[in-house]
């Protein structure tokens, strides 16, 4: 779902700057909606709307997110109280945790 308003195609057409990271916008037809490339407007569409970006499909990016969540969970487990010394040691722990 998008927070952007529906724009009648009679008023304006989408451009590449309106597209998400897949180069798609959402088009509304009479009784349904579909996403398609910003420059391939379906014949039956009456309105268009900007869409949010798709989640990353890069496995490396997902793995980095997983490692970060695990690090934060471990940090909270080992140092449950957010004290100043714990915050200062986080940078050092991060170096060792994320060392390849």
PDB file of N, CA and C in Angstrom:
ATOM      1  N   UNK A   1       0.843  -1.177   0.000  1.00  0.00           N
ATOM      2  CA  UNK A   1       0.000   0.000   0.000  1.00  0.00           C
ATOM      3  C   UNK A   1       0.887   1.238   0.000  1.00  0.00           C
ATOM      4  N   UNK A   2       0.399   2.259  -0.634  1.00  0.00           N
ATOM      5  CA  UNK A   2       1.174   3.481  -0.763  1.00  0.00           C
ATOM      6  C   UNK A   2       0.433   4.643  -0.120  1.00  0.00           C
ATOM      7  N   UNK A   3       1.200   5.594   0.382  1.00  0.00           N
ATOM      8  CA  UNK A   3       0.611   6.814   0.930  1.00  0.00           C
ATOM      9  C   UNK A   3       0.442   7.892  -0.133  1.00  0.00           C
ATOM     10  N   UNK A   4       0.914   7.612  -1.329  1.00  0.00           N
ATOM     11  CA  UNK A   4       0.842   8.595  -2.403  1.00  0.00           C
ATOM     12  C   UNK A   4      -0.571   8.621  -2.999  1.00  0.00           C
ATOM     13  N   UNK A   5      -0.989   9.771  -3.476  1.00  0.00           N
ATOM     14  CA  UNK A   5      -2.337   9.867  -4.045  1.00  0.00           C
ATOM     15  C   UNK A   5      -2.413   9.245  -5.444  1.00  0.00           C
ATOM     16  N   UNK A   6      -3.604   8.844  -5.827  1.00  0.00           N
ATOM     17  CA  UNK A   6      -3.840   8.392  -7.195  1.00  0.00           C
ATOM     18  C   UNK A   6      -3.909   9.623  -8.093  1.00  0.00           C
ATOM     19  N   UNK A   7      -3.212   9.573  -9.200  1.00  0.00           N
ATOM     20  CA  UNK A   7      -3.165  10.706 -10.119  1.00  0.00           C
ATOM     21  C   UNK A   7      -3.825  10.287 -11.439  1.00  0.00           C
ATOM     22  N   UNK A   8      -4.815  11.030 -11.896  1.00  0.00           N
ATOM     23  CA  UNK A   8      -5.441  10.681 -13.168  1.00  0.00           C
ATOM     24  C   UNK A   8      -4.432  10.798 -14.320  1.00  0.00           C
ATOM     25  N   UNK A   9      -4.448   9.838 -15.210  1.00  0.00           N
ATOM     26  CA  UNK A   9      -3.556   9.874 -16.367  1.00  0.00           C
ATOM     27  C   UNK A   9      -3.892  11.023 -17.307  1.00  0.00           C
ATOM     28  N   UNK A  10      -5.104  11.552 -17.183  1.00  0.00           N
ATOM     29  CA  UNK A  10      -5.479  12.706 -17.999  1.00  0.00           C
ATOM     30  C   UNK A  10      -4.760  13.970 -17.514  1.00  0.00           C
ATOM     31  N   UNK A  11      -4.338  13.987 -16.238  1.00  0.00           N
ATOM     32  CA  UNK A  11      -3.631  15.149 -15.687  1.00  0.00           C
ATOM     33  C   UNK A  11      -2.126  15.072 -15.905  1.00  0.00           C
ATOM     34  N   UNK A  12      -1.544  13.898 -15.679  1.00  0.00           N
ATOM     35  CA  UNK A  12      -0.105  13.736 -15.891  1.00  0.00           C
ATOM     36  C   UNK A  12       0.249  12.259 -16.013  1.00  0.00           C
ATOM     37  N   UNK A  13       1.377  12.023 -16.631  1.00  0.00           N
ATOM     38  CA  UNK A  13       1.884  10.669 -16.816  1.00  0.00           C
ATOM     39  C   UNK A  13       3.092  10.478 -15.894  1.00  0.00           C
ATOM     40  N   UNK A  14       3.341   9.242 -15.454  1.00  0.00           N
ATOM     41  CA  UNK A  14       4.514   9.019 -14.604  1.00  0.00           C
ATOM     42  C   UNK A  14       5.805   9.164 -15.403  1.00  0.00           C
ATOM     43  N   UNK A  15       6.853   9.533 -14.696  1.00  0.00           N
ATOM     44  CA  UNK A  15       8.188   9.607 -15.299  1.00  0.00           C
ATOM     45  C   UNK A  15       9.097   8.669 -14.506  1.00  0.00           C
ATOM     46  N   UNK A  16      10.322   8.537 -14.953  1.00  0.00           N
ATOM     47  CA  UNK A  16      11.248   7.627 -14.282  1.00  0.00           C
ATOM     48  C   UNK A  16      11.494   8.034 -12.834  1.00  0.00           C
ATOM     49  N   UNK A  17      11.449   9.318 -12.557  1.00  0.00           N
ATOM     50  CA  UNK A  17      11.673   9.765 -11.176  1.00  0.00           C
ATOM     51  C   UNK A  17      10.540   9.342 -10.246  1.00  0.00           C
ATOM     52  N   UNK A  18       9.371   9.016 -10.788  1.00  0.00           N
ATOM     53  CA  UNK A  18       8.245   8.558  -9.977  1.00  0.00           C
ATOM     54  C   UNK A  18       8.320   7.060  -9.691  1.00  0.00           C
ATOM     55  N   UNK A  19       9.140   6.344 -10.426  1.00  0.00           N
ATOM     56  CA  UNK A  19       9.192   4.888 -10.320  1.00  0.00           C
ATOM     57  C   UNK A  19       9.972   4.444  -9.078  1.00  0.00           C
ATOM     58  N   UNK A  20       9.697   3.212  -8.643  1.00  0.00           N
ATOM     59  CA  UNK A  20      10.440   2.670  -7.507  1.00  0.00           C
ATOM     60  C   UNK A  20      11.747   2.055  -8.002  1.00  0.00           C
ATOM     61  N   UNK A  21      12.435   1.311  -7.152  1.00  0.00           N
ATOM     62  CA  UNK A  21      13.730   0.750  -7.541  1.00  0.00           C
ATOM     63  C   UNK A  21      13.619  -0.317  -8.629  1.00  0.00           C
ATOM     64  N   UNK A  22      12.427  -0.827  -8.887  1.00  0.00           N
ATOM     65  CA  UNK A  22      12.201  -1.760  -9.999  1.00  0.00           C
ATOM     66  C   UNK A  22      11.700  -1.053 -11.250  1.00  0.00           C
ATOM     67  N   UNK A  23      11.651   0.280 -11.190  1.00  0.00           N
ATOM     68  CA  UNK A  23      11.148   1.128 -12.280  1.00  0.00           C
ATOM     69  C   UNK A  23       9.647   0.937 -12.510  1.00  0.00           C
ATOM     70  N   UNK A  24       8.912   0.609 -11.429  1.00  0.00           N
ATOM     71  CA  UNK A  24       7.476   0.381 -11.517  1.00  0.00           C
ATOM     72  C   UNK A  24       6.691   1.478 -10.821  1.00  0.00           C
ATOM     73  N   UNK A  25       5.486   1.691 -11.312  1.00  0.00           N
ATOM     74  CA  UNK A  25       4.464   2.477 -10.625  1.00  0.00           C
ATOM     75  C   UNK A  25       3.214   1.607 -10.588  1.00  0.00           C
ATOM     76  N   UNK A  26       2.242   2.010  -9.804  1.00  0.00           N
ATOM     77  CA  UNK A  26       0.993   1.258  -9.696  1.00  0.00           C
ATOM     78  C   UNK A  26      -0.040   1.918 -10.600  1.00  0.00           C
ATOM     79  N   UNK A  27      -0.682   1.101 -11.436  1.00  0.00           N
ATOM     80  CA  UNK A  27      -1.726   1.599 -12.327  1.00  0.00           C
ATOM     81  C   UNK A  27      -3.077   1.070 -11.869  1.00  0.00           C
ATOM     82  N   UNK A  28      -4.091   1.922 -11.941  1.00  0.00           N
ATOM     83  CA  UNK A  28      -5.444   1.508 -11.576  1.00  0.00           C
ATOM     84  C   UNK A  28      -6.288   1.431 -12.843  1.00  0.00           C
ATOM     85  N   UNK A  29      -6.949   0.304 -12.982  1.00  0.00           N
ATOM     86  CA  UNK A  29      -7.896   0.127 -14.065  1.00  0.00           C
ATOM     87  C   UNK A  29      -9.299   0.302 -13.483  1.00  0.00           C
ATOM     88  N   UNK A  30     -10.266  -0.143 -14.178  1.00  0.00           N
ATOM     89  CA  UNK A  30     -11.642   0.045 -13.719  1.00  0.00           C
ATOM     90  C   UNK A  30     -11.915  -0.660 -12.376  1.00  0.00           C
ATOM     91  N   UNK A  31     -11.591  -1.944 -12.256  1.00  0.00           N
ATOM     92  CA  UNK A  31     -11.902  -2.694 -11.033  1.00  0.00           C
ATOM     93  C   UNK A  31     -10.685  -3.339 -10.380  1.00  0.00           C
ATOM     94  N   UNK A  32      -9.513  -3.001 -10.836  1.00  0.00           N
ATOM     95  CA  UNK A  32      -8.316  -3.632 -10.272  1.00  0.00           C
ATOM     96  C   UNK A  32      -7.098  -2.760 -10.506  1.00  0.00           C
ATOM     97  N   UNK A  33      -5.999  -3.138  -9.847  1.00  0.00           N
ATOM     98  CA  UNK A  33      -4.744  -2.401  -9.971  1.00  0.00           C
ATOM     99  C   UNK A  33      -3.623  -3.363 -10.307  1.00  0.00           C
ATOM    100  N   UNK A  34      -2.575  -2.818 -10.923  1.00  0.00           N
ATOM    101  CA  UNK A  34      -1.403  -3.633 -11.222  1.00  0.00           C
ATOM    102  C   UNK A  34      -0.174  -2.746 -11.299  1.00  0.00           C
ATOM    103  N   UNK A  35       0.975  -3.348 -10.999  1.00  0.00           N
ATOM    104  CA  UNK A  35       2.204  -2.590 -11.162  1.00  0.00           C
ATOM    105  C   UNK A  35       2.789  -2.903 -12.530  1.00  0.00           C
ATOM    106  N   UNK A  36       3.407  -1.907 -13.108  1.00  0.00           N
ATOM    107  CA  UNK A  36       4.054  -2.062 -14.410  1.00  0.00           C
ATOM    108  C   UNK A  36       5.112  -0.966 -14.532  1.00  0.00           C
ATOM    109  N   UNK A  37       5.973  -1.129 -15.512  1.00  0.00           N
ATOM    110  CA  UNK A  37       7.019  -0.112 -15.725  1.00  0.00           C
ATOM    111  C   UNK A  37       6.375   1.250 -15.954  1.00  0.00           C
ATOM    112  N   UNK A  38       7.072   2.262 -15.499  1.00  0.00           N
ATOM    113  CA  UNK A  38       6.547   3.627 -15.600  1.00  0.00           C
ATOM    114  C   UNK A  38       6.301   4.033 -17.045  1.00  0.00           C
ATOM    115  N   UNK A  39       7.079   3.475 -17.983  1.00  0.00           N
ATOM    116  CA  UNK A  39       6.959   3.872 -19.390  1.00  0.00           C
ATOM    117  C   UNK A  39       6.098   2.923 -20.229  1.00  0.00           C
ATOM    118  N   UNK A  40       5.460   1.948 -19.586  1.00  0.00           N
ATOM    119  CA  UNK A  40       4.548   1.029 -20.288  1.00  0.00           C
ATOM    120  C   UNK A  40       3.172   1.095 -19.640  1.00  0.00           C
ATOM    121  N   UNK A  41       2.449   2.118 -19.974  1.00  0.00           N
ATOM    122  CA  UNK A  41       1.131   2.352 -19.373  1.00  0.00           C
ATOM    123  C   UNK A  41       0.115   1.409 -20.013  1.00  0.00           C
ATOM    124  N   UNK A  42      -0.546   0.574 -19.206  1.00  0.00           N
ATOM    125  CA  UNK A  42      -1.581  -0.315 -19.765  1.00  0.00           C
ATOM    126  C   UNK A  42      -2.724   0.497 -20.378  1.00  0.00           C
ATOM    127  N   UNK A  43      -3.281  -0.023 -21.462  1.00  0.00           N
ATOM    128  CA  UNK A  43      -4.330   0.697 -22.194  1.00  0.00           C
ATOM    129  C   UNK A  43      -5.550   1.023 -21.334  1.00  0.00           C
ATOM    130  N   UNK A  44      -5.935   0.106 -20.456  1.00  0.00           N
ATOM    131  CA  UNK A  44      -7.159   0.284 -19.668  1.00  0.00           C
ATOM    132  C   UNK A  44      -6.979   1.158 -18.433  1.00  0.00           C
ATOM    133  N   UNK A  45      -5.761   1.557 -18.117  1.00  0.00           N
ATOM    134  CA  UNK A  45      -5.526   2.281 -16.865  1.00  0.00           C
ATOM    135  C   UNK A  45      -6.065   3.705 -16.937  1.00  0.00           C
ATOM    136  N   UNK A  46      -6.545   4.165 -15.780  1.00  0.00           N
ATOM    137  CA  UNK A  46      -7.109   5.507 -15.676  1.00  0.00           C
ATOM    138  C   UNK A  46      -6.295   6.399 -14.734  1.00  0.00           C
ATOM    139  N   UNK A  47      -5.608   5.772 -13.758  1.00  0.00           N
ATOM    140  CA  UNK A  47      -4.844   6.505 -12.763  1.00  0.00           C
ATOM    141  C   UNK A  47      -3.510   5.794 -12.533  1.00  0.00           C
ATOM    142  N   UNK A  48      -2.575   6.517 -11.935  1.00  0.00           N
ATOM    143  CA  UNK A  48      -1.312   5.901 -11.536  1.00  0.00           C
ATOM    144  C   UNK A  48      -0.922   6.431 -10.160  1.00  0.00           C
ATOM    145  N   UNK A  49      -0.035   5.681  -9.497  1.00  0.00           N
ATOM    146  CA  UNK A  49       0.384   6.024  -8.142  1.00  0.00           C
ATOM    147  C   UNK A  49       1.829   5.573  -7.940  1.00  0.00           C
ATOM    148  N   UNK A  50       2.601   6.352  -7.207  1.00  0.00           N
ATOM    149  CA  UNK A  50       3.963   5.945  -6.888  1.00  0.00           C
ATOM    150  C   UNK A  50       3.910   4.755  -5.932  1.00  0.00           C
ATOM    151  N   UNK A  51       4.916   3.878  -6.029  1.00  0.00           N
ATOM    152  CA  UNK A  51       4.997   2.690  -5.176  1.00  0.00           C
ATOM    153  C   UNK A  51       6.250   2.756  -4.309  1.00  0.00           C
ATOM    154  N   UNK A  52       6.209   2.068  -3.186  1.00  0.00           N
ATOM    155  CA  UNK A  52       7.396   1.967  -2.345  1.00  0.00           C
ATOM    156  C   UNK A  52       8.406   1.059  -3.027  1.00  0.00           C
ATOM    157  N   UNK A  53       9.670   1.192  -2.647  1.00  0.00           N
ATOM    158  CA  UNK A  53      10.717   0.350  -3.215  1.00  0.00           C
ATOM    159  C   UNK A  53      10.542  -1.095  -2.782  1.00  0.00           C
ATOM    160  N   UNK A  54      10.954  -2.001  -3.638  1.00  0.00           N
ATOM    161  CA  UNK A  54      10.953  -3.417  -3.314  1.00  0.00           C
ATOM    162  C   UNK A  54      12.091  -3.700  -2.344  1.00  0.00           C
ATOM    163  N   UNK A  55      11.921  -4.721  -1.509  1.00  0.00           N
ATOM    164  CA  UNK A  55      13.024  -5.062  -0.603  1.00  0.00           C
ATOM    165  C   UNK A  55      14.230  -5.556  -1.382  1.00  0.00           C
ATOM    166  N   UNK A  56      15.415  -5.438  -0.817  1.00  0.00           N
ATOM    167  CA  UNK A  56      16.613  -5.881  -1.542  1.00  0.00           C
ATOM    168  C   UNK A  56      16.576  -7.378  -1.790  1.00  0.00           C
ATOM    169  N   UNK A  57      17.041  -7.777  -2.943  1.00  0.00           N
ATOM    170  CA  UNK A  57      17.099  -9.202  -3.266  1.00  0.00           C
ATOM    171  C   UNK A  57      18.527  -9.712  -3.183  1.00  0.00           C
ATOM    172  N   UNK A  58      19.432  -8.835  -2.862  1.00  0.00           N
ATOM    173  CA  UNK A  58      20.827  -9.208  -2.746  1.00  0.00           C
ATOM    174  C   UNK A  58      21.033 -10.014  -1.467  1.00  0.00           C
ATOM    175  N   UNK A  59      21.482 -11.257  -1.603  1.00  0.00           N
ATOM    176  CA  UNK A  59      21.679 -12.125  -0.445  1.00  0.00           C
ATOM    177  C   UNK A  59      22.694 -11.533   0.524  1.00  0.00           C
ATOM    178  N   UNK A  60      23.727 -10.881   0.021  1.00  0.00           N
ATOM    179  CA  UNK A  60      24.739 -10.284   0.883  1.00  0.00           C
ATOM    180  C   UNK A  60      24.128  -9.187   1.750  1.00  0.00           C
ATOM    181  N   UNK A  61      23.249  -8.378   1.178  1.00  0.00           N
ATOM    182  CA  UNK A  61      22.602  -7.310   1.939  1.00  0.00           C
ATOM    183  C   UNK A  61      21.714  -7.901   3.032  1.00  0.00           C
ATOM    184  N   UNK A  62      20.994  -8.957   2.712  1.00  0.00           N
ATOM    185  CA  UNK A  62      20.145  -9.604   3.716  1.00  0.00           C
ATOM    186  C   UNK A  62      20.995 -10.209   4.825  1.00  0.00           C
ATOM    187  N   UNK A  63      22.126 -10.824   4.459  1.00  0.00           N
ATOM    188  CA  UNK A  63      22.987 -11.432   5.459  1.00  0.00           C
ATOM    189  C   UNK A  63      23.557 -10.370   6.393  1.00  0.00           C
ATOM    190  N   UNK A  64      23.898  -9.186   5.861  1.00  0.00           N
ATOM    191  CA  UNK A  64      24.390  -8.101   6.713  1.00  0.00           C
ATOM    192  C   UNK A  64      23.328  -7.679   7.720  1.00  0.00           C
ATOM    193  N   UNK A  65      22.077  -7.618   7.294  1.00  0.00           N
ATOM    194  CA  UNK A  65      20.990  -7.267   8.210  1.00  0.00           C
ATOM    195  C   UNK A  65      20.841  -8.322   9.298  1.00  0.00           C
ATOM    196  N   UNK A  66      20.946  -9.583   8.934  1.00  0.00           N
ATOM    197  CA  UNK A  66      20.836 -10.676   9.898  1.00  0.00           C
ATOM    198  C   UNK A  66      21.976 -10.606  10.909  1.00  0.00           C
ATOM    199  N   UNK A  67      23.198 -10.387  10.423  1.00  0.00           N
ATOM    200  CA  UNK A  67      24.342 -10.295  11.333  1.00  0.00           C
ATOM    201  C   UNK A  67      24.187  -9.116  12.292  1.00  0.00           C
ATOM    202  N   UNK A  68      23.687  -8.013  11.800  1.00  0.00           N
ATOM    203  CA  UNK A  68      23.495  -6.834  12.658  1.00  0.00           C
ATOM    204  C   UNK A  68      22.457  -7.122  13.744  1.00  0.00           C
ATOM    205  N   UNK A  69      21.340  -7.766  13.372  1.00  0.00           N
ATOM    206  CA  UNK A  69      20.322  -8.121  14.365  1.00  0.00           C
ATOM    207  C   UNK A  69      20.884  -9.071  15.413  1.00  0.00           C
ATOM    208  N   UNK A  70      21.678 -10.057  14.974  1.00  0.00           N
ATOM    209  CA  UNK A  70      22.281 -11.003  15.916  1.00  0.00           C
ATOM    210  C   UNK A  70      23.260 -10.309  16.846  1.00  0.00           C
ATOM    211  N   UNK A  71      24.047  -9.379  16.309  1.00  0.00           N
ATOM    212  CA  UNK A  71      24.995  -8.644  17.142  1.00  0.00           C
ATOM    213  C   UNK A  71      24.260  -7.848  18.212  1.00  0.00           C
ATOM    214  N   UNK A  72      23.207  -7.147  17.818  1.00  0.00           N
ATOM    215  CA  UNK A  72      22.459  -6.337  18.778  1.00  0.00           C
ATOM    216  C   UNK A  72      21.803  -7.205  19.847  1.00  0.00           C
ATOM    217  N   UNK A  73      21.301  -8.389  19.450  1.00  0.00           N
ATOM    218  CA  UNK A  73      20.699  -9.302  20.421  1.00  0.00           C
ATOM    219  C   UNK A  73      21.752  -9.812  21.401  1.00  0.00           C
ATOM    220  N   UNK A  74      22.931 -10.168  20.907  1.00  0.00           N
ATOM    221  CA  UNK A  74      24.009 -10.628  21.769  1.00  0.00           C
ATOM    222  C   UNK A  74      24.457  -9.518  22.719  1.00  0.00           C
ATOM    223  N   UNK A  75      24.571  -8.312  22.193  1.00  0.00           N
ATOM    224  CA  UNK A  75      24.976  -7.173  23.008  1.00  0.00           C
ATOM    225  C   UNK A  75      23.973  -6.942  24.142  1.00  0.00           C
ATOM    226  N   UNK A  76      22.696  -7.028  23.804  1.00  0.00           N
ATOM    227  CA  UNK A  76      21.657  -6.820  24.821  1.00  0.00           C
ATOM    228  C   UNK A  76      21.667  -7.952  25.848  1.00  0.00           C
ATOM    229  N   UNK A  77      21.954  -9.171  25.389  1.00  0.00           N
ATOM    230  CA  UNK A  77      22.010 -10.321  26.287  1.00  0.00           C
ATOM    231  C   UNK A  77      23.188 -10.196  27.261  1.00  0.00           C
ATOM    232  N   UNK A  78      24.337  -9.819  26.742  1.00  0.00           N
ATOM    233  CA  UNK A  78      25.545  -9.732  27.575  1.00  0.00           C
ATOM    234  C   UNK A  78      25.599  -8.463  28.412  1.00  0.00           C
ATOM    235  N   UNK A  79      25.030  -7.394  27.902  1.00  0.00           N
ATOM    236  CA  UNK A  79      25.042  -6.107  28.601  1.00  0.00           C
ATOM    237  C   UNK A  79      23.606  -5.568  28.652  1.00  0.00           C
ATOM    238  N   UNK A  80      22.762  -6.141  29.521  1.00  0.00           N
ATOM    239  CA  UNK A  80      21.343  -5.745  29.519  1.00  0.00           C
ATOM    240  C   UNK A  80      21.096  -4.303  29.950  1.00  0.00           C
ATOM    241  N   UNK A  81      21.977  -3.757  30.769  1.00  0.00           N
ATOM    242  CA  UNK A  81      21.799  -2.375  31.213  1.00  0.00           C
ATOM    243  C   UNK A  81      22.584  -1.431  30.298  1.00  0.00           C
ATOM    244  N   UNK A  82      21.940  -0.476  29.674  1.00  0.00           N
ATOM    245  CA  UNK A  82      22.641   0.450  28.770  1.00  0.00           C
ATOM    246  C   UNK A  82      23.437   1.503  29.550  1.00  0.00           C
ATOM    247  N   UNK A  83      24.607   1.109  29.997  1.00  0.00           N
ATOM    248  CA  UNK A  83      25.457   2.048  30.742  1.00  0.00           C
ATOM    249  C   UNK A  83      26.501   2.632  29.802  1.00  0.00           C
ATOM    250  N   UNK A  84      27.143   3.714  30.228  1.00  0.00           N
ATOM    251  CA  UNK A  84      28.158   4.382  29.400  1.00  0.00           C
ATOM    252  C   UNK A  84      29.308   3.443  29.055  1.00  0.00           C
ATOM    253  N   UNK A  85      29.882   2.665  30.022  1.00  0.00           N
ATOM    254  CA  UNK A  85      30.974   1.751  29.645  1.00  0.00           C
ATOM    255  C   UNK A  85      30.545   0.721  28.597  1.00  0.00           C
ATOM    256  N   UNK A  86      29.316   0.253  28.687  1.00  0.00           N
ATOM    257  CA  UNK A  86      28.827  -0.710  27.690  1.00  0.00           C
ATOM    258  C   UNK A  86      28.761  -0.070  26.305  1.00  0.00           C
ATOM    259  N   UNK A  87      28.319   1.164  26.250  1.00  0.00           N
ATOM    260  CA  UNK A  87      28.238   1.862  24.968  1.00  0.00           C
ATOM    261  C   UNK A  87      29.624   2.115  24.395  1.00  0.00           C
ATOM    262  N   UNK A  88      30.582   2.384  25.273  1.00  0.00           N
ATOM    263  CA  UNK A  88      31.943   2.635  24.807  1.00  0.00           C
ATOM    264  C   UNK A  88      32.603   1.361  24.282  1.00  0.00           C
ATOM    265  N   UNK A  89      32.290   0.229  24.860  1.00  0.00           N
ATOM    266  CA  UNK A  89      32.906  -1.023  24.439  1.00  0.00           C
ATOM    267  C   UNK A  89      32.249  -1.574  23.157  1.00  0.00           C
ATOM    268  N   UNK A  90      31.076  -1.076  22.812  1.00  0.00           N
ATOM    269  CA  UNK A  90      30.375  -1.593  21.637  1.00  0.00           C
ATOM    270  C   UNK A  90      31.227  -1.511  20.379  1.00  0.00           C
ATOM    271  N   UNK A  91      31.945  -0.423  20.168  1.00  0.00           N
ATOM    272  CA  UNK A  91      32.771  -0.268  18.965  1.00  0.00           C
ATOM    273  C   UNK A  91      33.842  -1.350  18.905  1.00  0.00           C
ATOM    274  N   UNK A  92      34.455  -1.660  20.038  1.00  0.00           N
ATOM    275  CA  UNK A  92      35.486  -2.699  20.071  1.00  0.00           C
ATOM    276  C   UNK A  92      34.870  -4.068  19.824  1.00  0.00           C
ATOM    277  N   UNK A  93      33.741  -4.343  20.464  1.00  0.00           N
ATOM    278  CA  UNK A  93      33.062  -5.628  20.254  1.00  0.00           C
ATOM    279  C   UNK A  93      32.622  -5.790  18.805  1.00  0.00           C
ATOM    280  N   UNK A  94      32.181  -4.705  18.211  1.00  0.00           N
ATOM    281  CA  UNK A  94      31.742  -4.734  16.809  1.00  0.00           C
ATOM    282  C   UNK A  94      32.892  -5.143  15.888  1.00  0.00           C
ATOM    283  N   UNK A  95      34.114  -4.645  16.169  1.00  0.00           N
ATOM    284  CA  UNK A  95      35.281  -5.010  15.350  1.00  0.00           C
ATOM    285  C   UNK A  95      35.536  -6.514  15.389  1.00  0.00           C
ATOM    286  N   UNK A  96      35.444  -7.089  16.592  1.00  0.00           N
ATOM    287  CA  UNK A  96      35.698  -8.524  16.723  1.00  0.00           C
ATOM    288  C   UNK A  96      34.554  -9.358  16.161  1.00  0.00           C
ATOM    289  N   UNK A  97      33.331  -8.927  16.382  1.00  0.00           N
ATOM    290  CA  UNK A  97      32.170  -9.690  15.924  1.00  0.00           C
ATOM    291  C   UNK A  97      32.091  -9.747  14.403  1.00  0.00           C
ATOM    292  N   UNK A  98      32.363  -8.623  13.760  1.00  0.00           N
ATOM    293  CA  UNK A  98      32.216  -8.549  12.303  1.00  0.00           C
ATOM    294  C   UNK A  98      33.523  -8.810  11.561  1.00  0.00           C
ATOM    295  N   UNK A  99      34.550  -9.224  12.270  1.00  0.00           N
ATOM    296  CA  UNK A  99      35.847  -9.533  11.637  1.00  0.00           C
ATOM    297  C   UNK A  99      35.688 -10.800  10.789  1.00  0.00           C
ATOM    298  N   UNK A 100      36.099 -10.713   9.522  1.00  0.00           N
ATOM    299  CA  UNK A 100      35.990 -11.886   8.630  1.00  0.00           C
ATOM    300  C   UNK A 100      37.222 -12.736   8.680  1.00  0.00           C
TER     301      UNK A 100
END
